[in-house]
Each structure stands twice: as structure tokens, then as C-alpha cells.
Amino acid sequence: MLLVSSSGGVLLDLLGLQPWWSQHTVHWAVVRAPDTEAAVQGAAHTWVHEYSARRPFGLLFGLRRAAQILRSPRPDVVVSAGTGAAVPFFVVAWFLGIPAFWVSTLNLVETPGIAARICARLARGVLLQRESMLAAHPGGTVIGELY
């Protein structure tokens, strides 16, 4: 399983799923920050950058990096609540046929941002912490607050 995360709430969302993912072999693709360094200490991880979907060259670099990480070892699933760090992974996972699941962050109340819209569209499933997000993700599954 590949967990893709940036710092802050995105990391907290993925850590909230730890009872589930801790039963599997996990590799992190994570943006370096003090909280992410502490969270992945001792865990298999690869440092990545935050990529903006509005900057094509940065996104192209992100796609290349995501392809490298997703090829070896190839995960069975990709999970993220992330922002720009997640977009390249969801695009490459979609092309490779790797199921990806998007966790809508708790701070989103009604309208998802561009990264959330891209990832949710490419995801096999969308997990929602707020029922109010069902309008934006009609096929989503409400799981409630993670932390």
C-alpha cells in the first residue's frame, strides 16, 4: 500500500486510518516537514514534493517521480487525502490500473479544491468525513471524522 501525504491535516487523516493500514505493508510518499519526518521515522518512505496542478512543468516532474515510485515495488492500492502531492500519484495509478482511494479532508465543508476534484475523479473510491461533501462526491462513502 502506498500512502501519499503532505504535512498537517492530510497527514492526520492518514494517521487516523492507521488501524486499517497498519495491517498491511505500507510505503509512504511524503512531503518533507517536521511532522511528516516524525510520523514516518522508521517506516519505509520516499520524500516527494508538493506539485501544483496549475503549473504544468512541475506536474510533469511529479508524474515522472510518481511513475518511478509506483513501479517498484508496485503497490496494490494508493491512498491519500493530500493536495498537490497526491495528483501525480492518482494520475499514474489510474494509467497503471492501481486502485486509488481519496480521503476528503475534514477542513473541506462543501466545495473541494482542484487537487481534490482531480484525485476524486480518478479514484476507485472517495471516503468522506463530512456528510455535507456528498453533494460534491455523490458516490462517496461517509466514514465520519478520523481525528
N, C-alpha and C. Protein backbone atom coordinates (compact mmCIF):
# COMPACT_ATOMS: atom_id res chain seq x y z
N MET A 1 0.84 -1.16 0.00
CA MET A 1 0.00 0.00 0.00
C MET A 1 0.89 1.24 0.00
N LEU A 2 0.53 2.20 -0.82
CA LEU A 2 1.26 3.47 -0.85
C LEU A 2 0.37 4.55 -0.25
N LEU A 3 0.87 5.21 0.77
CA LEU A 3 0.18 6.34 1.39
C LEU A 3 0.89 7.61 0.93
N VAL A 4 0.14 8.52 0.33
CA VAL A 4 0.71 9.77 -0.18
C VAL A 4 0.24 10.90 0.72
N SER A 5 1.19 11.66 1.25
CA SER A 5 0.81 12.69 2.22
C SER A 5 1.69 13.92 2.13
N SER A 6 1.09 15.03 2.50
CA SER A 6 1.83 16.24 2.78
C SER A 6 1.72 16.46 4.28
N SER A 7 2.02 17.63 4.73
CA SER A 7 2.06 17.95 6.15
C SER A 7 0.67 18.35 6.66
N GLY A 8 0.52 18.40 7.96
CA GLY A 8 -0.69 18.94 8.57
C GLY A 8 -1.86 17.99 8.60
N GLY A 9 -3.04 18.52 8.27
CA GLY A 9 -4.28 17.75 8.35
C GLY A 9 -4.30 16.53 7.46
N VAL A 10 -3.66 16.61 6.30
CA VAL A 10 -3.60 15.46 5.41
C VAL A 10 -2.90 14.30 6.10
N LEU A 11 -1.81 14.59 6.75
CA LEU A 11 -1.08 13.57 7.50
C LEU A 11 -1.95 13.02 8.62
N LEU A 12 -2.63 13.90 9.34
CA LEU A 12 -3.51 13.46 10.43
C LEU A 12 -4.61 12.54 9.92
N ASP A 13 -5.16 12.86 8.74
CA ASP A 13 -6.20 12.00 8.16
C ASP A 13 -5.66 10.59 7.91
N LEU A 14 -4.49 10.50 7.33
CA LEU A 14 -3.92 9.17 7.05
C LEU A 14 -3.54 8.45 8.35
N LEU A 15 -3.03 9.18 9.32
CA LEU A 15 -2.72 8.57 10.61
C LEU A 15 -3.99 8.08 11.30
N GLY A 16 -5.11 8.76 11.06
CA GLY A 16 -6.40 8.32 11.60
C GLY A 16 -6.85 6.98 11.04
N LEU A 17 -6.33 6.62 9.88
CA LEU A 17 -6.65 5.33 9.26
C LEU A 17 -5.66 4.23 9.66
N GLN A 18 -4.76 4.54 10.57
CA GLN A 18 -3.71 3.59 10.94
C GLN A 18 -4.23 2.22 11.38
N PRO A 19 -5.33 2.12 12.12
CA PRO A 19 -5.80 0.77 12.47
C PRO A 19 -6.04 -0.11 11.24
N TRP A 20 -6.40 0.50 10.13
CA TRP A 20 -6.62 -0.26 8.90
C TRP A 20 -5.31 -0.53 8.18
N TRP A 21 -4.54 0.54 7.88
CA TRP A 21 -3.35 0.33 7.05
C TRP A 21 -2.21 -0.35 7.79
N SER A 22 -2.21 -0.34 9.10
CA SER A 22 -1.13 -0.98 9.84
C SER A 22 -1.15 -2.50 9.70
N GLN A 23 -2.22 -3.04 9.17
CA GLN A 23 -2.32 -4.48 8.93
C GLN A 23 -1.71 -4.88 7.59
N HIS A 24 -1.17 -3.93 6.86
CA HIS A 24 -0.63 -4.16 5.52
C HIS A 24 0.80 -3.66 5.43
N THR A 25 1.48 -4.04 4.38
CA THR A 25 2.81 -3.50 4.09
C THR A 25 2.61 -2.10 3.51
N VAL A 26 3.23 -1.11 4.12
CA VAL A 26 3.00 0.28 3.75
C VAL A 26 4.30 0.96 3.36
N HIS A 27 4.22 1.76 2.31
CA HIS A 27 5.30 2.67 1.91
C HIS A 27 4.68 4.05 1.82
N TRP A 28 5.38 5.05 2.31
CA TRP A 28 4.90 6.42 2.27
C TRP A 28 5.60 7.20 1.15
N ALA A 29 4.85 7.99 0.41
CA ALA A 29 5.38 9.02 -0.48
C ALA A 29 4.95 10.32 0.20
N VAL A 30 5.92 11.03 0.77
CA VAL A 30 5.56 12.08 1.71
C VAL A 30 6.39 13.34 1.49
N VAL A 31 5.75 14.49 1.66
CA VAL A 31 6.41 15.78 1.57
C VAL A 31 7.15 16.01 2.89
N ARG A 32 8.42 16.37 2.79
CA ARG A 32 9.25 16.55 4.00
C ARG A 32 8.84 17.80 4.77
N ALA A 33 8.55 17.59 6.05
CA ALA A 33 8.21 18.66 7.00
C ALA A 33 8.45 18.06 8.38
N PRO A 34 8.56 18.88 9.42
CA PRO A 34 8.82 18.33 10.75
C PRO A 34 7.81 17.26 11.19
N ASP A 35 6.52 17.48 10.93
CA ASP A 35 5.53 16.49 11.37
C ASP A 35 5.58 15.21 10.54
N THR A 36 5.86 15.33 9.24
CA THR A 36 5.94 14.11 8.43
C THR A 36 7.21 13.34 8.75
N GLU A 37 8.30 14.05 9.02
CA GLU A 37 9.54 13.36 9.40
C GLU A 37 9.32 12.52 10.65
N ALA A 38 8.63 13.08 11.63
CA ALA A 38 8.35 12.34 12.87
C ALA A 38 7.42 11.16 12.61
N ALA A 39 6.42 11.36 11.76
CA ALA A 39 5.42 10.32 11.51
C ALA A 39 5.99 9.11 10.77
N VAL A 40 6.91 9.34 9.85
CA VAL A 40 7.42 8.21 9.05
C VAL A 40 8.77 7.69 9.55
N GLN A 41 9.23 8.22 10.66
CA GLN A 41 10.51 7.74 11.21
C GLN A 41 10.43 6.24 11.45
N GLY A 42 11.35 5.52 10.86
CA GLY A 42 11.38 4.07 10.98
C GLY A 42 10.48 3.34 10.00
N ALA A 43 9.69 4.06 9.21
CA ALA A 43 8.81 3.45 8.22
C ALA A 43 9.42 3.60 6.83
N ALA A 44 9.05 2.72 5.92
CA ALA A 44 9.50 2.83 4.54
C ALA A 44 8.87 4.08 3.93
N HIS A 45 9.70 4.96 3.37
CA HIS A 45 9.17 6.19 2.80
C HIS A 45 10.09 6.73 1.71
N THR A 46 9.50 7.59 0.89
CA THR A 46 10.22 8.33 -0.14
C THR A 46 9.76 9.78 -0.05
N TRP A 47 10.70 10.69 -0.03
CA TRP A 47 10.35 12.12 0.02
C TRP A 47 9.93 12.57 -1.37
N VAL A 48 8.85 13.34 -1.44
CA VAL A 48 8.34 13.89 -2.69
C VAL A 48 8.07 15.38 -2.48
N HIS A 49 7.67 16.05 -3.55
CA HIS A 49 7.36 17.48 -3.49
C HIS A 49 5.86 17.69 -3.65
N GLU A 50 5.43 18.84 -3.24
CA GLU A 50 4.05 19.27 -3.46
C GLU A 50 4.01 19.83 -4.88
N TYR A 51 3.09 19.35 -5.71
CA TYR A 51 3.01 19.80 -7.10
C TYR A 51 1.70 20.53 -7.32
N SER A 52 1.76 21.60 -8.05
CA SER A 52 0.56 22.36 -8.34
C SER A 52 0.00 21.91 -9.68
N ALA A 53 -1.29 21.60 -9.70
CA ALA A 53 -1.95 21.24 -10.96
C ALA A 53 -2.00 22.43 -11.91
N ARG A 54 -1.71 23.61 -11.38
CA ARG A 54 -1.74 24.82 -12.22
C ARG A 54 -0.38 25.10 -12.87
N ARG A 55 0.63 24.33 -12.51
CA ARG A 55 1.97 24.51 -13.08
C ARG A 55 2.36 23.25 -13.85
N PRO A 56 2.17 23.28 -15.16
CA PRO A 56 2.35 22.07 -15.97
C PRO A 56 3.74 21.42 -15.84
N PHE A 57 4.81 22.20 -15.80
CA PHE A 57 6.14 21.59 -15.73
C PHE A 57 6.38 20.90 -14.39
N GLY A 58 5.90 21.52 -13.33
CA GLY A 58 6.01 20.88 -12.02
C GLY A 58 5.20 19.60 -11.97
N LEU A 59 4.03 19.63 -12.58
CA LEU A 59 3.19 18.44 -12.62
C LEU A 59 3.85 17.34 -13.45
N LEU A 60 4.50 17.71 -14.55
CA LEU A 60 5.20 16.71 -15.36
C LEU A 60 6.32 16.04 -14.56
N PHE A 61 7.07 16.83 -13.79
CA PHE A 61 8.10 16.28 -12.93
C PHE A 61 7.47 15.33 -11.90
N GLY A 62 6.33 15.76 -11.35
CA GLY A 62 5.62 14.93 -10.38
C GLY A 62 5.14 13.62 -10.97
N LEU A 63 4.67 13.66 -12.21
CA LEU A 63 4.22 12.43 -12.88
C LEU A 63 5.39 11.46 -13.08
N ARG A 64 6.52 12.00 -13.46
CA ARG A 64 7.72 11.16 -13.65
C ARG A 64 8.12 10.52 -12.33
N ARG A 65 8.14 11.31 -11.27
CA ARG A 65 8.52 10.80 -9.95
C ARG A 65 7.51 9.77 -9.45
N ALA A 66 6.24 10.04 -9.65
CA ALA A 66 5.20 9.09 -9.23
C ALA A 66 5.33 7.77 -9.98
N ALA A 67 5.63 7.84 -11.27
CA ALA A 67 5.81 6.62 -12.06
C ALA A 67 6.98 5.80 -11.53
N GLN A 68 8.06 6.46 -11.17
CA GLN A 68 9.22 5.75 -10.60
C GLN A 68 8.83 5.03 -9.30
N ILE A 69 8.13 5.73 -8.45
CA ILE A 69 7.77 5.17 -7.14
C ILE A 69 6.72 4.06 -7.28
N LEU A 70 5.76 4.23 -8.18
CA LEU A 70 4.69 3.24 -8.33
C LEU A 70 5.14 1.98 -9.07
N ARG A 71 6.25 2.03 -9.74
CA ARG A 71 6.72 0.85 -10.46
C ARG A 71 7.48 -0.13 -9.58
N SER A 72 8.15 0.37 -8.57
CA SER A 72 8.99 -0.53 -7.79
C SER A 72 9.04 -0.13 -6.33
N PRO A 73 8.51 -0.89 -5.43
CA PRO A 73 7.61 -2.02 -5.71
C PRO A 73 6.20 -1.50 -6.00
N ARG A 74 5.51 -2.20 -6.86
CA ARG A 74 4.17 -1.77 -7.27
C ARG A 74 3.17 -2.04 -6.14
N PRO A 75 2.52 -1.00 -5.62
CA PRO A 75 1.55 -1.21 -4.55
C PRO A 75 0.24 -1.79 -5.07
N ASP A 76 -0.51 -2.41 -4.18
CA ASP A 76 -1.84 -2.91 -4.54
C ASP A 76 -2.88 -1.80 -4.52
N VAL A 77 -2.58 -0.74 -3.75
CA VAL A 77 -3.53 0.36 -3.60
C VAL A 77 -2.77 1.64 -3.22
N VAL A 78 -3.32 2.78 -3.64
CA VAL A 78 -2.79 4.10 -3.28
C VAL A 78 -3.88 4.81 -2.49
N VAL A 79 -3.49 5.41 -1.37
CA VAL A 79 -4.45 6.14 -0.53
C VAL A 79 -3.86 7.51 -0.21
N SER A 80 -4.69 8.54 -0.31
CA SER A 80 -4.24 9.88 0.04
C SER A 80 -5.41 10.77 0.41
N ALA A 81 -5.12 11.75 1.22
CA ALA A 81 -6.04 12.85 1.50
C ALA A 81 -5.35 14.13 1.04
N GLY A 82 -4.23 13.97 0.37
CA GLY A 82 -3.34 15.07 0.06
C GLY A 82 -3.81 16.03 -0.99
N THR A 83 -2.97 17.00 -1.18
CA THR A 83 -3.25 18.05 -2.15
C THR A 83 -2.38 17.80 -3.37
N GLY A 84 -1.53 18.74 -3.70
CA GLY A 84 -0.71 18.64 -4.90
C GLY A 84 0.22 17.44 -4.92
N ALA A 85 0.61 16.94 -3.79
CA ALA A 85 1.48 15.76 -3.77
C ALA A 85 0.75 14.53 -4.30
N ALA A 86 -0.55 14.47 -4.11
CA ALA A 86 -1.33 13.29 -4.49
C ALA A 86 -1.66 13.23 -5.98
N VAL A 87 -1.83 14.36 -6.62
CA VAL A 87 -2.31 14.40 -8.00
C VAL A 87 -1.49 13.52 -8.94
N PRO A 88 -0.16 13.66 -8.99
CA PRO A 88 0.60 12.80 -9.91
C PRO A 88 0.44 11.31 -9.61
N PHE A 89 0.34 10.95 -8.34
CA PHE A 89 0.19 9.55 -7.98
C PHE A 89 -1.16 8.99 -8.43
N PHE A 90 -2.20 9.78 -8.32
CA PHE A 90 -3.52 9.33 -8.75
C PHE A 90 -3.58 9.20 -10.27
N VAL A 91 -2.94 10.11 -10.98
CA VAL A 91 -2.91 10.04 -12.45
C VAL A 91 -2.16 8.79 -12.89
N VAL A 92 -0.98 8.57 -12.36
CA VAL A 92 -0.18 7.41 -12.75
C VAL A 92 -0.85 6.11 -12.31
N ALA A 93 -1.41 6.09 -11.10
CA ALA A 93 -2.11 4.88 -10.63
C ALA A 93 -3.27 4.54 -11.56
N TRP A 94 -3.99 5.55 -12.01
CA TRP A 94 -5.10 5.33 -12.94
C TRP A 94 -4.61 4.69 -14.23
N PHE A 95 -3.52 5.22 -14.77
CA PHE A 95 -2.96 4.66 -16.01
C PHE A 95 -2.45 3.23 -15.81
N LEU A 96 -1.90 2.94 -14.64
CA LEU A 96 -1.36 1.61 -14.37
C LEU A 96 -2.42 0.61 -13.87
N GLY A 97 -3.62 1.09 -13.66
CA GLY A 97 -4.69 0.23 -13.17
C GLY A 97 -4.58 -0.11 -11.69
N ILE A 98 -3.89 0.73 -10.94
CA ILE A 98 -3.77 0.53 -9.49
C ILE A 98 -4.93 1.27 -8.82
N PRO A 99 -5.73 0.58 -8.02
CA PRO A 99 -6.84 1.26 -7.35
C PRO A 99 -6.32 2.35 -6.41
N ALA A 100 -6.99 3.50 -6.42
CA ALA A 100 -6.62 4.61 -5.55
C ALA A 100 -7.87 5.06 -4.80
N PHE A 101 -7.68 5.44 -3.55
CA PHE A 101 -8.78 5.91 -2.72
C PHE A 101 -8.45 7.28 -2.17
N TRP A 102 -9.42 8.18 -2.30
CA TRP A 102 -9.26 9.56 -1.88
C TRP A 102 -10.01 9.77 -0.57
N VAL A 103 -9.36 10.37 0.41
CA VAL A 103 -9.99 10.71 1.68
C VAL A 103 -10.21 12.22 1.69
N SER A 104 -11.44 12.62 1.73
CA SER A 104 -11.75 14.05 1.77
C SER A 104 -11.39 14.58 3.15
N THR A 105 -10.58 15.61 3.19
CA THR A 105 -10.09 16.13 4.46
C THR A 105 -11.21 16.80 5.25
N LEU A 106 -11.04 16.82 6.54
CA LEU A 106 -12.05 17.36 7.44
C LEU A 106 -12.29 18.85 7.22
N ASN A 107 -11.27 19.58 6.76
CA ASN A 107 -11.44 21.02 6.58
C ASN A 107 -12.30 21.37 5.37
N LEU A 108 -12.56 20.41 4.50
CA LEU A 108 -13.46 20.67 3.37
C LEU A 108 -14.90 20.50 3.83
N VAL A 109 -15.71 21.54 3.64
CA VAL A 109 -17.07 21.51 4.13
C VAL A 109 -18.07 21.35 2.99
N GLU A 110 -17.86 22.04 1.86
CA GLU A 110 -18.81 21.95 0.76
C GLU A 110 -18.15 21.81 -0.61
N THR A 111 -17.09 22.56 -0.85
CA THR A 111 -16.50 22.60 -2.18
C THR A 111 -15.07 22.10 -2.17
N PRO A 112 -14.78 21.02 -2.90
CA PRO A 112 -13.41 20.54 -2.95
C PRO A 112 -12.54 21.43 -3.84
N GLY A 113 -11.25 21.48 -3.53
CA GLY A 113 -10.31 22.22 -4.35
C GLY A 113 -9.97 21.46 -5.62
N ILE A 114 -9.12 22.04 -6.45
CA ILE A 114 -8.79 21.43 -7.74
C ILE A 114 -8.10 20.07 -7.57
N ALA A 115 -7.17 19.96 -6.62
CA ALA A 115 -6.49 18.68 -6.41
C ALA A 115 -7.48 17.62 -5.95
N ALA A 116 -8.38 17.99 -5.06
CA ALA A 116 -9.39 17.04 -4.58
C ALA A 116 -10.30 16.60 -5.73
N ARG A 117 -10.67 17.52 -6.59
CA ARG A 117 -11.55 17.16 -7.72
C ARG A 117 -10.84 16.21 -8.67
N ILE A 118 -9.57 16.46 -8.95
CA ILE A 118 -8.81 15.58 -9.86
C ILE A 118 -8.67 14.20 -9.25
N CYS A 119 -8.22 14.14 -8.00
CA CYS A 119 -7.98 12.84 -7.35
C CYS A 119 -9.28 12.06 -7.18
N ALA A 120 -10.35 12.73 -6.79
CA ALA A 120 -11.63 12.05 -6.60
C ALA A 120 -12.15 11.46 -7.92
N ARG A 121 -11.93 12.19 -8.99
CA ARG A 121 -12.38 11.71 -10.30
C ARG A 121 -11.62 10.46 -10.74
N LEU A 122 -10.35 10.37 -10.38
CA LEU A 122 -9.51 9.23 -10.77
C LEU A 122 -9.57 8.08 -9.77
N ALA A 123 -10.14 8.33 -8.61
CA ALA A 123 -10.14 7.35 -7.52
C ALA A 123 -11.17 6.24 -7.76
N ARG A 124 -10.86 5.08 -7.22
CA ARG A 124 -11.80 3.97 -7.21
C ARG A 124 -12.90 4.22 -6.16
N GLY A 125 -12.53 4.97 -5.12
CA GLY A 125 -13.49 5.29 -4.08
C GLY A 125 -13.12 6.58 -3.38
N VAL A 126 -14.13 7.28 -2.87
CA VAL A 126 -13.93 8.54 -2.15
C VAL A 126 -14.52 8.36 -0.75
N LEU A 127 -13.68 8.60 0.25
CA LEU A 127 -14.09 8.47 1.65
C LEU A 127 -14.30 9.87 2.21
N LEU A 128 -15.48 10.12 2.76
CA LEU A 128 -15.85 11.45 3.20
C LEU A 128 -15.95 11.51 4.72
N GLN A 129 -15.40 12.57 5.29
CA GLN A 129 -15.51 12.77 6.73
C GLN A 129 -16.74 13.60 7.09
N ARG A 130 -17.27 14.30 6.10
CA ARG A 130 -18.46 15.14 6.33
C ARG A 130 -19.56 14.75 5.35
N GLU A 131 -20.75 14.61 5.88
CA GLU A 131 -21.90 14.29 5.04
C GLU A 131 -22.18 15.41 4.03
N SER A 132 -21.82 16.64 4.39
CA SER A 132 -22.05 17.79 3.51
C SER A 132 -21.28 17.67 2.19
N MET A 133 -20.27 16.80 2.15
CA MET A 133 -19.48 16.63 0.92
C MET A 133 -20.11 15.66 -0.07
N LEU A 134 -21.23 15.03 0.30
CA LEU A 134 -21.90 14.11 -0.62
C LEU A 134 -22.38 14.81 -1.88
N ALA A 135 -22.72 16.09 -1.77
CA ALA A 135 -23.16 16.84 -2.95
C ALA A 135 -22.02 16.96 -3.96
N ALA A 136 -20.80 17.15 -3.46
CA ALA A 136 -19.64 17.27 -4.34
C ALA A 136 -19.14 15.90 -4.82
N HIS A 137 -19.37 14.86 -4.01
CA HIS A 137 -18.93 13.49 -4.34
C HIS A 137 -20.10 12.54 -4.13
N PRO A 138 -21.07 12.52 -5.06
CA PRO A 138 -22.29 11.73 -4.87
C PRO A 138 -22.05 10.23 -4.64
N GLY A 139 -20.98 9.69 -5.18
CA GLY A 139 -20.70 8.26 -4.99
C GLY A 139 -19.84 7.98 -3.78
N GLY A 140 -19.54 9.01 -3.00
CA GLY A 140 -18.64 8.86 -1.85
C GLY A 140 -19.29 8.08 -0.71
N THR A 141 -18.42 7.60 0.18
CA THR A 141 -18.84 6.88 1.37
C THR A 141 -18.50 7.70 2.60
N VAL A 142 -19.49 8.02 3.42
CA VAL A 142 -19.26 8.81 4.62
C VAL A 142 -18.70 7.88 5.70
N ILE A 143 -17.48 8.18 6.15
CA ILE A 143 -16.83 7.38 7.20
C ILE A 143 -16.76 8.12 8.51
N GLY A 144 -17.07 9.40 8.52
CA GLY A 144 -17.01 10.21 9.73
C GLY A 144 -15.64 10.77 9.97
N GLU A 145 -15.54 11.53 11.04
CA GLU A 145 -14.27 12.19 11.38
C GLU A 145 -13.23 11.18 11.79
N LEU A 146 -12.00 11.36 11.33
CA LEU A 146 -10.91 10.44 11.61
C LEU A 146 -10.12 10.82 12.84
N TYR A 147 -10.19 12.07 13.25
CA TYR A 147 -9.46 12.51 14.45
C TYR A 147 -10.19 13.65 15.12
